[in-house]
Amino acid sequence: MDILAISQTVFYIAAALAVIILGALFLAAAYYLISIARHIKKISKNIGQISEDTKKGLEKTIENLSALPFISFFFKKASDKRDAHQKGRK
């Protein structure tokens, strides 16, 4: 009967250690997941800013190219073409 009490005590100690170890592993995994989420947020913010800068740069380049007489025909805005077309009909 004494062996059953010892084995029950060993089982409780082993179960408690397993719960503690699993809890520590869960906390470590949660910490790394939060860290990864923060990095992804920073990366997406940087990508958004870069795409906005690129968009502005492309608009500026198109404006500069549209100022050239030879190339201005290809880069005219659609509203300018419609206005010119409507002015020609009057």
C-alpha atoms as a PDB file:
ATOM      1  CA  MET A   1       0.000   0.000   0.000  1.00  0.00           C
ATOM      2  CA  ASP A   2       2.919   2.292   0.669  1.00  0.00           C
ATOM      3  CA  ILE A   3       4.100   2.000  -2.938  1.00  0.00           C
ATOM      4  CA  LEU A   4       0.763   3.356  -4.205  1.00  0.00           C
ATOM      5  CA  ALA A   5       1.130   6.527  -2.094  1.00  0.00           C
ATOM      6  CA  ILE A   6       4.662   7.096  -3.391  1.00  0.00           C
ATOM      7  CA  SER A   7       3.638   6.527  -7.007  1.00  0.00           C
ATOM      8  CA  GLN A   8       0.677   8.901  -6.592  1.00  0.00           C
ATOM      9  CA  THR A   9       2.978  11.593  -5.154  1.00  0.00           C
ATOM     10  CA  VAL A  10       5.460  11.138  -8.019  1.00  0.00           C
ATOM     11  CA  PHE A  11       2.593  11.371 -10.514  1.00  0.00           C
ATOM     12  CA  TYR A  12       1.325  14.641  -8.995  1.00  0.00           C
ATOM     13  CA  ILE A  13       4.829  16.143  -9.041  1.00  0.00           C
ATOM     14  CA  ALA A  14       5.367  15.061 -12.670  1.00  0.00           C
ATOM     15  CA  ALA A  15       1.962  16.430 -13.707  1.00  0.00           C
ATOM     16  CA  ALA A  16       2.644  19.754 -11.961  1.00  0.00           C
ATOM     17  CA  LEU A  17       6.047  20.043 -13.676  1.00  0.00           C
ATOM     18  CA  ALA A  18       4.458  19.233 -17.046  1.00  0.00           C
ATOM     19  CA  VAL A  19       1.842  21.957 -16.559  1.00  0.00           C
ATOM     20  CA  ILE A  20       4.527  24.469 -15.553  1.00  0.00           C
ATOM     21  CA  ILE A  21       6.726  23.582 -18.529  1.00  0.00           C
ATOM     22  CA  LEU A  22       3.797  23.754 -20.967  1.00  0.00           C
ATOM     23  CA  GLY A  23       2.784  27.120 -19.524  1.00  0.00           C
ATOM     24  CA  ALA A  24       6.317  28.460 -19.957  1.00  0.00           C
ATOM     25  CA  LEU A  25       6.426  27.201 -23.556  1.00  0.00           C
ATOM     26  CA  PHE A  26       3.035  28.807 -24.250  1.00  0.00           C
ATOM     27  CA  LEU A  27       4.243  32.135 -22.849  1.00  0.00           C
ATOM     28  CA  ALA A  28       7.404  31.995 -24.965  1.00  0.00           C
ATOM     29  CA  ALA A  29       5.378  31.199 -28.096  1.00  0.00           C
ATOM     30  CA  ALA A  30       2.967  34.065 -27.331  1.00  0.00           C
ATOM     31  CA  TYR A  31       5.888  36.452 -26.862  1.00  0.00           C
ATOM     32  CA  TYR A  32       7.387  35.516 -30.222  1.00  0.00           C
ATOM     33  CA  LEU A  33       4.016  35.712 -31.983  1.00  0.00           C
ATOM     34  CA  ILE A  34       3.467  39.220 -30.618  1.00  0.00           C
ATOM     35  CA  SER A  35       6.977  40.188 -31.709  1.00  0.00           C
ATOM     36  CA  ILE A  36       6.335  38.838 -35.216  1.00  0.00           C
ATOM     37  CA  ALA A  37       3.013  40.698 -35.400  1.00  0.00           C
ATOM     38  CA  ARG A  38       4.748  43.972 -34.476  1.00  0.00           C
ATOM     39  CA  HIS A  39       7.379  43.437 -37.171  1.00  0.00           C
ATOM     40  CA  ILE A  40       4.687  42.688 -39.756  1.00  0.00           C
ATOM     41  CA  LYS A  41       2.880  45.881 -38.762  1.00  0.00           C
ATOM     42  CA  LYS A  42       6.090  47.921 -39.222  1.00  0.00           C
ATOM     43  CA  ILE A  43       6.778  46.266 -42.577  1.00  0.00           C
ATOM     44  CA  SER A  44       3.262  46.947 -43.860  1.00  0.00           C
ATOM     45  CA  LYS A  45       3.513  50.566 -42.732  1.00  0.00           C
ATOM     46  CA  ASN A  46       6.831  50.936 -44.585  1.00  0.00           C
ATOM     47  CA  ILE A  47       5.391  49.317 -47.718  1.00  0.00           C
ATOM     48  CA  GLY A  48       2.426  51.691 -47.609  1.00  0.00           C
ATOM     49  CA  GLN A  49       4.723  54.691 -47.292  1.00  0.00           C
ATOM     50  CA  ILE A  50       6.994  53.466 -50.099  1.00  0.00           C
ATOM     51  CA  SER A  51       4.042  52.853 -52.408  1.00  0.00           C
ATOM     52  CA  GLU A  52       2.718  56.356 -51.684  1.00  0.00           C
ATOM     53  CA  ASP A  53       6.135  57.858 -52.453  1.00  0.00           C
ATOM     54  CA  THR A  54       6.364  55.804 -55.642  1.00  0.00           C
ATOM     55  CA  LYS A  55       2.906  56.942 -56.707  1.00  0.00           C
ATOM     56  CA  LYS A  56       3.867  60.580 -56.173  1.00  0.00           C
ATOM     57  CA  GLY A  57       7.119  60.061 -58.072  1.00  0.00           C
ATOM     58  CA  LEU A  58       5.323  58.468 -61.013  1.00  0.00           C
ATOM     59  CA  GLU A  59       2.768  61.274 -61.117  1.00  0.00           C
ATOM     60  CA  LYS A  60       5.563  63.825 -61.124  1.00  0.00           C
ATOM     61  CA  THR A  61       7.385  61.934 -63.897  1.00  0.00           C
ATOM     62  CA  ILE A  62       4.232  61.775 -66.019  1.00  0.00           C
ATOM     63  CA  GLU A  63       3.666  65.494 -65.492  1.00  0.00           C
ATOM     64  CA  ASN A  64       7.229  66.211 -66.579  1.00  0.00           C
ATOM     65  CA  LEU A  65       6.896  63.971 -69.625  1.00  0.00           C
ATOM     66  CA  SER A  66       3.561  65.499 -70.564  1.00  0.00           C
ATOM     67  CA  ALA A  67       5.254  68.911 -70.705  1.00  0.00           C
ATOM     68  CA  LEU A  68       7.388  67.716 -73.613  1.00  0.00           C
ATOM     69  CA  PRO A  69       5.653  68.548 -76.903  1.00  0.00           C
ATOM     70  CA  PHE A  70       6.459  65.287 -78.688  1.00  0.00           C
ATOM     71  CA  ILE A  71       5.389  63.018 -75.835  1.00  0.00           C
ATOM     72  CA  SER A  72       2.511  65.120 -74.529  1.00  0.00           C
ATOM     73  CA  PHE A  73       0.117  63.450 -76.965  1.00  0.00           C
ATOM     74  CA  PHE A  74       0.532  60.072 -75.202  1.00  0.00           C
ATOM     75  CA  PHE A  75       0.301  61.356 -71.627  1.00  0.00           C
ATOM     76  CA  LYS A  76      -2.696  63.658 -71.891  1.00  0.00           C
ATOM     77  CA  LYS A  77      -5.342  63.030 -69.303  1.00  0.00           C
ATOM     78  CA  ALA A  78      -8.639  61.567 -70.455  1.00  0.00           C
ATOM     79  CA  SER A  79     -10.581  64.644 -69.297  1.00  0.00           C
ATOM     80  CA  ASP A  80      -8.311  66.887 -71.395  1.00  0.00           C
ATOM     81  CA  LYS A  81      -9.004  64.736 -74.462  1.00  0.00           C
ATOM     82  CA  ARG A  82     -12.765  64.880 -73.852  1.00  0.00           C
ATOM     83  CA  ASP A  83     -12.668  68.642 -73.366  1.00  0.00           C
ATOM     84  CA  ALA A  84     -10.673  69.096 -76.566  1.00  0.00           C
ATOM     85  CA  HIS A  85     -13.087  66.829 -78.420  1.00  0.00           C
ATOM     86  CA  GLN A  86     -16.126  68.717 -77.120  1.00  0.00           C
ATOM     87  CA  LYS A  87     -14.557  72.090 -77.944  1.00  0.00           C
ATOM     88  CA  GLY A  88     -13.990  70.911 -81.514  1.00  0.00           C
ATOM     89  CA  ARG A  89     -17.699  70.070 -81.938  1.00  0.00           C
ATOM     90  CA  LYS A  90     -19.001  73.469 -80.905  1.00  0.00           C
END
